[in-house]
Amino acid sequence: MTQYERMVAGLIYDPADPEIMREQTPLQDGLWAFNQLKPSDYDKKQSYMKEVFAECGDGCYIELPFRANWGGRHVHFGSGVYANFNLTLVDDGHIYVGDRVMFGPNVTIATANHPVDPELRARGLQYNRDVWIGENAWVGAGALIVPGVRIGKNTVIGAGSVVTKDIPDNAVAAGNPCRVLRAVGGRDREFYYKSDKIDWENLSFPSAL
């Protein structure tokens, strides 16, 4: 079994293996070029995501700069995904992002991990575990999501959270480690911030749900 095959199988492998580097380096070069695009280069951004990402739906937008170990090759975006500045995707493993997910600035999602055993770690070895984020989730600024985590649909992850365990659907979760604070509920249909009420009668634009 080659090191690339071990990587795909989720086994411990050497990420500096020549076969892996031959695959990865051109993608990193392509990502460097992507990050030089102007804000007005909307069509070029779309072309990059459609061509390089494993999957990318319609209407996705990334504020640059954007970082990804494999340039996004192992990233699966649904439709309408929005990423603010400095999204970092350690996409040695696969990252699955549902429709209409929003990322605040400086969010990091990691799939790569290293063995605790010092001998293996000294050899630079690693393994990967995929990450899943459900549709319509919102990941707040500066959040960190570690390998193997699943975040449910409609869930809000508070700014600065460190997500080390699965978070269910329809939850508001925050902290380090991130934990569920409450469910998304009726009050969220009435107030958008503290005691500020939602003026539903003036929100005439169509709903995405």
C-alpha atoms as a PDB file:
ATOM      1  CA  MET A   1       0.000   0.000   0.000  1.00  0.00           C
ATOM      2  CA  THR A   2       1.417   3.386  -0.996  1.00  0.00           C
ATOM      3  CA  GLN A   3       1.499   6.360   1.353  1.00  0.00           C
ATOM      4  CA  TYR A   4      -1.211   8.036  -0.765  1.00  0.00           C
ATOM      5  CA  GLU A   5      -3.395   4.943  -0.419  1.00  0.00           C
ATOM      6  CA  ARG A   6      -2.787   4.960   3.340  1.00  0.00           C
ATOM      7  CA  MET A   7      -3.834   8.630   3.449  1.00  0.00           C
ATOM      8  CA  VAL A   8      -7.089   7.905   1.609  1.00  0.00           C
ATOM      9  CA  ALA A   9      -7.775   4.904   3.885  1.00  0.00           C
ATOM     10  CA  GLY A  10      -7.466   7.010   7.053  1.00  0.00           C
ATOM     11  CA  LEU A  11      -4.303   5.224   8.230  1.00  0.00           C
ATOM     12  CA  ILE A  12      -1.137   6.757   9.654  1.00  0.00           C
ATOM     13  CA  TYR A  13       0.982   7.949   6.722  1.00  0.00           C
ATOM     14  CA  ASP A  14       3.872  10.177   5.703  1.00  0.00           C
ATOM     15  CA  PRO A  15       2.524  13.489   4.285  1.00  0.00           C
ATOM     16  CA  ALA A  16       5.984  14.307   2.863  1.00  0.00           C
ATOM     17  CA  ASP A  17       5.953  11.230   0.613  1.00  0.00           C
ATOM     18  CA  PRO A  18       7.084  12.192  -2.936  1.00  0.00           C
ATOM     19  CA  GLU A  19       3.887  10.869  -4.564  1.00  0.00           C
ATOM     20  CA  ILE A  20       1.761  12.956  -2.205  1.00  0.00           C
ATOM     21  CA  MET A  21       3.903  16.049  -2.754  1.00  0.00           C
ATOM     22  CA  ARG A  22       3.598  15.681  -6.536  1.00  0.00           C
ATOM     23  CA  GLU A  23      -0.188  15.797  -6.142  1.00  0.00           C
ATOM     24  CA  GLN A  24      -0.298  18.526  -3.515  1.00  0.00           C
ATOM     25  CA  THR A  25       2.266  21.104  -4.658  1.00  0.00           C
ATOM     26  CA  PRO A  26       0.495  22.177  -7.896  1.00  0.00           C
ATOM     27  CA  LEU A  27      -2.701  22.664  -5.896  1.00  0.00           C
ATOM     28  CA  GLN A  28      -0.883  24.907  -3.442  1.00  0.00           C
ATOM     29  CA  ASP A  29       0.503  26.917  -6.352  1.00  0.00           C
ATOM     30  CA  GLY A  30      -3.023  27.256  -7.748  1.00  0.00           C
ATOM     31  CA  LEU A  31      -4.287  28.438  -4.376  1.00  0.00           C
ATOM     32  CA  TRP A  32      -1.552  31.087  -4.257  1.00  0.00           C
ATOM     33  CA  ALA A  33      -2.803  32.425  -7.596  1.00  0.00           C
ATOM     34  CA  PHE A  34      -6.416  32.288  -6.357  1.00  0.00           C
ATOM     35  CA  ASN A  35      -5.486  34.486  -3.404  1.00  0.00           C
ATOM     36  CA  GLN A  36      -4.165  37.184  -5.751  1.00  0.00           C
ATOM     37  CA  LEU A  37      -7.612  37.747  -7.295  1.00  0.00           C
ATOM     38  CA  LYS A  38      -9.358  41.076  -6.836  1.00  0.00           C
ATOM     39  CA  PRO A  39     -12.707  41.346  -5.018  1.00  0.00           C
ATOM     40  CA  SER A  40     -14.320  42.078  -8.388  1.00  0.00           C
ATOM     41  CA  ASP A  41     -12.995  38.839  -9.937  1.00  0.00           C
ATOM     42  CA  TYR A  42     -16.203  37.049  -9.014  1.00  0.00           C
ATOM     43  CA  ASP A  43     -16.301  34.775 -12.075  1.00  0.00           C
ATOM     44  CA  LYS A  44     -12.674  33.684 -11.593  1.00  0.00           C
ATOM     45  CA  LYS A  45     -13.417  32.803  -7.970  1.00  0.00           C
ATOM     46  CA  GLN A  46     -16.381  30.728  -9.065  1.00  0.00           C
ATOM     47  CA  SER A  47     -14.297  28.955 -11.696  1.00  0.00           C
ATOM     48  CA  TYR A  48     -11.614  28.047  -9.162  1.00  0.00           C
ATOM     49  CA  MET A  49     -14.096  26.563  -6.694  1.00  0.00           C
ATOM     50  CA  LYS A  50     -15.949  24.622  -9.407  1.00  0.00           C
ATOM     51  CA  GLU A  51     -12.743  23.235 -10.894  1.00  0.00           C
ATOM     52  CA  VAL A  52     -10.658  22.511  -7.797  1.00  0.00           C
ATOM     53  CA  PHE A  53     -13.085  21.653  -4.992  1.00  0.00           C
ATOM     54  CA  ALA A  54     -14.360  18.092  -4.753  1.00  0.00           C
ATOM     55  CA  GLU A  55     -17.865  19.597  -4.960  1.00  0.00           C
ATOM     56  CA  CYS A  56     -19.162  23.162  -5.109  1.00  0.00           C
ATOM     57  CA  GLY A  57     -22.777  24.200  -5.524  1.00  0.00           C
ATOM     58  CA  ASP A  58     -24.091  27.479  -6.908  1.00  0.00           C
ATOM     59  CA  GLY A  59     -23.769  30.898  -5.306  1.00  0.00           C
ATOM     60  CA  CYS A  60     -20.786  30.190  -3.036  1.00  0.00           C
ATOM     61  CA  TYR A  61     -18.476  33.053  -2.077  1.00  0.00           C
ATOM     62  CA  ILE A  62     -15.116  33.195  -0.306  1.00  0.00           C
ATOM     63  CA  GLU A  63     -13.537  36.406   0.980  1.00  0.00           C
ATOM     64  CA  LEU A  64      -9.797  36.188   0.380  1.00  0.00           C
ATOM     65  CA  PRO A  65      -7.357  35.161   1.709  1.00  0.00           C
ATOM     66  CA  PHE A  66      -8.329  31.501   1.850  1.00  0.00           C
ATOM     67  CA  ARG A  67      -6.047  28.706   3.070  1.00  0.00           C
ATOM     68  CA  ALA A  68      -6.261  24.988   2.336  1.00  0.00           C
ATOM     69  CA  ASN A  69      -3.586  22.289   2.500  1.00  0.00           C
ATOM     70  CA  TRP A  70      -4.813  20.716  -0.733  1.00  0.00           C
ATOM     71  CA  GLY A  71      -6.140  23.917  -2.280  1.00  0.00           C
ATOM     72  CA  GLY A  72      -9.691  22.741  -1.588  1.00  0.00           C
ATOM     73  CA  ARG A  73      -9.463  19.432  -3.472  1.00  0.00           C
ATOM     74  CA  HIS A  74     -11.054  17.588  -0.533  1.00  0.00           C
ATOM     75  CA  VAL A  75     -13.663  20.279   0.187  1.00  0.00           C
ATOM     76  CA  HIS A  76     -17.357  19.642  -0.526  1.00  0.00           C
ATOM     77  CA  PHE A  77     -19.477  22.819  -0.567  1.00  0.00           C
ATOM     78  CA  GLY A  78     -23.225  22.835  -1.002  1.00  0.00           C
ATOM     79  CA  SER A  79     -24.952  25.882  -2.523  1.00  0.00           C
ATOM     80  CA  GLY A  80     -24.953  29.384  -1.043  1.00  0.00           C
ATOM     81  CA  VAL A  81     -21.948  28.859   1.255  1.00  0.00           C
ATOM     82  CA  TYR A  82     -20.342  32.103   2.476  1.00  0.00           C
ATOM     83  CA  ALA A  83     -16.863  32.293   3.999  1.00  0.00           C
ATOM     84  CA  ASN A  84     -15.462  35.472   5.502  1.00  0.00           C
ATOM     85  CA  PHE A  85     -11.754  36.381   5.536  1.00  0.00           C
ATOM     86  CA  ASN A  86      -9.041  33.876   6.503  1.00  0.00           C
ATOM     87  CA  LEU A  87     -10.996  30.636   6.332  1.00  0.00           C
ATOM     88  CA  THR A  88      -8.414  27.882   6.899  1.00  0.00           C
ATOM     89  CA  LEU A  89      -9.323  24.358   5.800  1.00  0.00           C
ATOM     90  CA  VAL A  90      -6.760  21.689   6.643  1.00  0.00           C
ATOM     91  CA  ASP A  91      -8.234  19.492   3.934  1.00  0.00           C
ATOM     92  CA  ASP A  92      -5.903  16.496   3.994  1.00  0.00           C
ATOM     93  CA  GLY A  93      -9.139  14.667   4.828  1.00  0.00           C
ATOM     94  CA  HIS A  94     -12.556  15.597   3.456  1.00  0.00           C
ATOM     95  CA  ILE A  95     -14.642  18.537   4.698  1.00  0.00           C
ATOM     96  CA  TYR A  96     -18.372  18.408   3.942  1.00  0.00           C
ATOM     97  CA  VAL A  97     -20.278  21.709   4.164  1.00  0.00           C
ATOM     98  CA  GLY A  98     -24.046  21.865   3.605  1.00  0.00           C
ATOM     99  CA  ASP A  99     -26.137  24.473   1.802  1.00  0.00           C
ATOM    100  CA  ARG A 100     -26.204  28.057   3.145  1.00  0.00           C
ATOM    101  CA  VAL A 101     -23.509  27.543   5.771  1.00  0.00           C
ATOM    102  CA  MET A 102     -21.842  30.782   6.916  1.00  0.00           C
ATOM    103  CA  PHE A 103     -18.304  31.092   8.271  1.00  0.00           C
ATOM    104  CA  GLY A 104     -17.166  34.141  10.223  1.00  0.00           C
ATOM    105  CA  PRO A 105     -13.611  35.462   9.812  1.00  0.00           C
ATOM    106  CA  ASN A 106     -10.632  33.408  10.984  1.00  0.00           C
ATOM    107  CA  VAL A 107     -12.411  30.050  11.201  1.00  0.00           C
ATOM    108  CA  THR A 108     -10.198  26.945  11.113  1.00  0.00           C
ATOM    109  CA  ILE A 109     -11.363  23.429  10.256  1.00  0.00           C
ATOM    110  CA  ALA A 110      -8.740  20.717  10.673  1.00  0.00           C
ATOM    111  CA  THR A 111      -8.933  17.133   9.429  1.00  0.00           C
ATOM    112  CA  ALA A 112      -5.269  16.267   9.950  1.00  0.00           C
ATOM    113  CA  ASN A 113      -4.007  14.934  13.265  1.00  0.00           C
ATOM    114  CA  HIS A 114      -0.742  13.542  14.600  1.00  0.00           C
ATOM    115  CA  PRO A 115      -0.123  10.508  16.821  1.00  0.00           C
ATOM    116  CA  VAL A 116       0.488  11.206  20.496  1.00  0.00           C
ATOM    117  CA  ASP A 117       3.342   8.687  20.486  1.00  0.00           C
ATOM    118  CA  PRO A 118       6.509  10.836  20.335  1.00  0.00           C
ATOM    119  CA  GLU A 119       8.440   8.479  18.054  1.00  0.00           C
ATOM    120  CA  LEU A 120       5.749   8.504  15.380  1.00  0.00           C
ATOM    121  CA  ARG A 121       5.292  12.254  15.699  1.00  0.00           C
ATOM    122  CA  ALA A 122       9.066  12.843  15.392  1.00  0.00           C
ATOM    123  CA  ARG A 123       8.877  11.052  12.037  1.00  0.00           C
ATOM    124  CA  GLY A 124       6.326  13.628  10.852  1.00  0.00           C
ATOM    125  CA  LEU A 125       3.529  11.098  10.454  1.00  0.00           C
ATOM    126  CA  GLN A 126      -0.165  11.969  10.538  1.00  0.00           C
ATOM    127  CA  TYR A 127      -3.687  10.644   9.933  1.00  0.00           C
ATOM    128  CA  ASN A 128      -6.921  12.323   8.865  1.00  0.00           C
ATOM    129  CA  ARG A 129     -10.538  12.309   9.991  1.00  0.00           C
ATOM    130  CA  ASP A 130     -13.325  13.943   7.954  1.00  0.00           C
ATOM    131  CA  VAL A 131     -15.481  16.841   9.225  1.00  0.00           C
ATOM    132  CA  TRP A 132     -19.207  17.424   8.476  1.00  0.00           C
ATOM    133  CA  ILE A 133     -21.173  20.671   8.864  1.00  0.00           C
ATOM    134  CA  GLY A 134     -24.927  20.540   8.292  1.00  0.00           C
ATOM    135  CA  GLU A 135     -26.953  22.893   6.132  1.00  0.00           C
ATOM    136  CA  ASN A 136     -27.764  26.409   7.337  1.00  0.00           C
ATOM    137  CA  ALA A 137     -25.216  26.288  10.157  1.00  0.00           C
ATOM    138  CA  TRP A 138     -23.341  29.425  11.231  1.00  0.00           C
ATOM    139  CA  VAL A 139     -19.782  29.114  12.514  1.00  0.00           C
ATOM    140  CA  GLY A 140     -18.741  32.267  14.370  1.00  0.00           C
ATOM    141  CA  ALA A 141     -15.490  34.214  14.067  1.00  0.00           C
ATOM    142  CA  GLY A 142     -12.337  32.495  15.260  1.00  0.00           C
ATOM    143  CA  ALA A 143     -13.933  29.105  15.853  1.00  0.00           C
ATOM    144  CA  LEU A 144     -11.769  25.986  15.627  1.00  0.00           C
ATOM    145  CA  ILE A 145     -13.210  22.627  14.553  1.00  0.00           C
ATOM    146  CA  VAL A 146     -11.013  19.585  15.159  1.00  0.00           C
ATOM    147  CA  PRO A 147     -10.785  16.352  13.125  1.00  0.00           C
ATOM    148  CA  GLY A 148     -13.757  13.980  13.046  1.00  0.00           C
ATOM    149  CA  VAL A 149     -16.399  16.424  14.319  1.00  0.00           C
ATOM    150  CA  ARG A 150     -19.993  16.635  13.031  1.00  0.00           C
ATOM    151  CA  ILE A 151     -22.030  19.838  13.413  1.00  0.00           C
ATOM    152  CA  GLY A 152     -25.796  19.619  12.865  1.00  0.00           C
ATOM    153  CA  LYS A 153     -28.020  21.627  10.552  1.00  0.00           C
ATOM    154  CA  ASN A 154     -29.308  25.058  11.649  1.00  0.00           C
ATOM    155  CA  THR A 155     -26.766  25.085  14.475  1.00  0.00           C
ATOM    156  CA  VAL A 156     -24.864  28.193  15.625  1.00  0.00           C
ATOM    157  CA  ILE A 157     -21.282  27.862  16.870  1.00  0.00           C
ATOM    158  CA  GLY A 158     -20.271  30.872  18.965  1.00  0.00           C
ATOM    159  CA  ALA A 159     -17.219  32.990  18.175  1.00  0.00           C
ATOM    160  CA  GLY A 160     -13.939  31.633  19.504  1.00  0.00           C
ATOM    161  CA  SER A 161     -15.318  28.159  20.226  1.00  0.00           C
ATOM    162  CA  VAL A 162     -13.154  25.045  20.103  1.00  0.00           C
ATOM    163  CA  VAL A 163     -15.362  22.249  18.790  1.00  0.00           C
ATOM    164  CA  THR A 164     -13.978  18.909  19.980  1.00  0.00           C
ATOM    165  CA  LYS A 165     -17.203  16.840  19.957  1.00  0.00           C
ATOM    166  CA  ASP A 166     -20.278  16.450  17.768  1.00  0.00           C
ATOM    167  CA  ILE A 167     -22.930  19.187  18.084  1.00  0.00           C
ATOM    168  CA  PRO A 168     -26.583  18.275  17.273  1.00  0.00           C
ATOM    169  CA  ASP A 169     -29.071  19.946  14.934  1.00  0.00           C
ATOM    170  CA  ASN A 170     -30.834  23.193  15.936  1.00  0.00           C
ATOM    171  CA  ALA A 171     -28.478  24.087  18.777  1.00  0.00           C
ATOM    172  CA  VAL A 172     -26.671  27.197  19.991  1.00  0.00           C
ATOM    173  CA  ALA A 173     -23.251  26.052  21.205  1.00  0.00           C
ATOM    174  CA  ALA A 174     -20.153  27.885  22.390  1.00  0.00           C
ATOM    175  CA  GLY A 175     -17.076  27.687  24.575  1.00  0.00           C
ATOM    176  CA  ASN A 176     -13.800  25.834  24.956  1.00  0.00           C
ATOM    177  CA  PRO A 177     -14.565  23.044  24.754  1.00  0.00           C
ATOM    178  CA  CYS A 178     -17.704  23.890  22.784  1.00  0.00           C
ATOM    179  CA  ARG A 179     -20.934  22.723  24.430  1.00  0.00           C
ATOM    180  CA  VAL A 180     -24.631  23.139  23.754  1.00  0.00           C
ATOM    181  CA  LEU A 181     -26.073  26.156  25.570  1.00  0.00           C
ATOM    182  CA  ARG A 182     -29.661  25.871  24.373  1.00  0.00           C
ATOM    183  CA  ALA A 183     -31.874  24.864  21.483  1.00  0.00           C
ATOM    184  CA  VAL A 184     -32.854  27.183  18.659  1.00  0.00           C
ATOM    185  CA  GLY A 185     -36.439  28.062  19.593  1.00  0.00           C
ATOM    186  CA  GLY A 186     -39.421  30.393  19.525  1.00  0.00           C
ATOM    187  CA  ARG A 187     -37.629  33.361  21.061  1.00  0.00           C
ATOM    188  CA  ASP A 188     -35.251  33.363  18.091  1.00  0.00           C
ATOM    189  CA  ARG A 189     -38.281  33.976  15.861  1.00  0.00           C
ATOM    190  CA  GLU A 190     -39.106  37.101  17.872  1.00  0.00           C
ATOM    191  CA  PHE A 191     -35.748  38.672  18.755  1.00  0.00           C
ATOM    192  CA  TYR A 192     -32.607  38.915  16.620  1.00  0.00           C
ATOM    193  CA  TYR A 193     -30.368  40.500  19.295  1.00  0.00           C
ATOM    194  CA  LYS A 194     -31.090  40.646  23.023  1.00  0.00           C
ATOM    195  CA  SER A 195     -34.372  42.616  23.249  1.00  0.00           C
ATOM    196  CA  ASP A 196     -34.339  43.861  19.632  1.00  0.00           C
ATOM    197  CA  LYS A 197     -37.412  42.499  17.848  1.00  0.00           C
ATOM    198  CA  ILE A 198     -37.457  41.158  14.299  1.00  0.00           C
ATOM    199  CA  ASP A 199     -39.625  43.373  12.081  1.00  0.00           C
ATOM    200  CA  TRP A 200     -41.015  40.525  10.021  1.00  0.00           C
ATOM    201  CA  GLU A 201     -43.510  42.816   8.243  1.00  0.00           C
ATOM    202  CA  ASN A 202     -40.636  44.745   6.629  1.00  0.00           C
ATOM    203  CA  LEU A 203     -38.590  41.736   5.569  1.00  0.00           C
ATOM    204  CA  SER A 204     -40.051  41.394   2.095  1.00  0.00           C
ATOM    205  CA  PHE A 205     -37.105  39.594   0.479  1.00  0.00           C
ATOM    206  CA  PRO A 206     -37.669  35.865  -0.101  1.00  0.00           C
ATOM    207  CA  SER A 207     -36.751  33.262   2.477  1.00  0.00           C
ATOM    208  CA  ALA A 208     -34.077  30.694   1.670  1.00  0.00           C
ATOM    209  CA  LEU A 209     -35.757  28.052   3.853  1.00  0.00           C
END
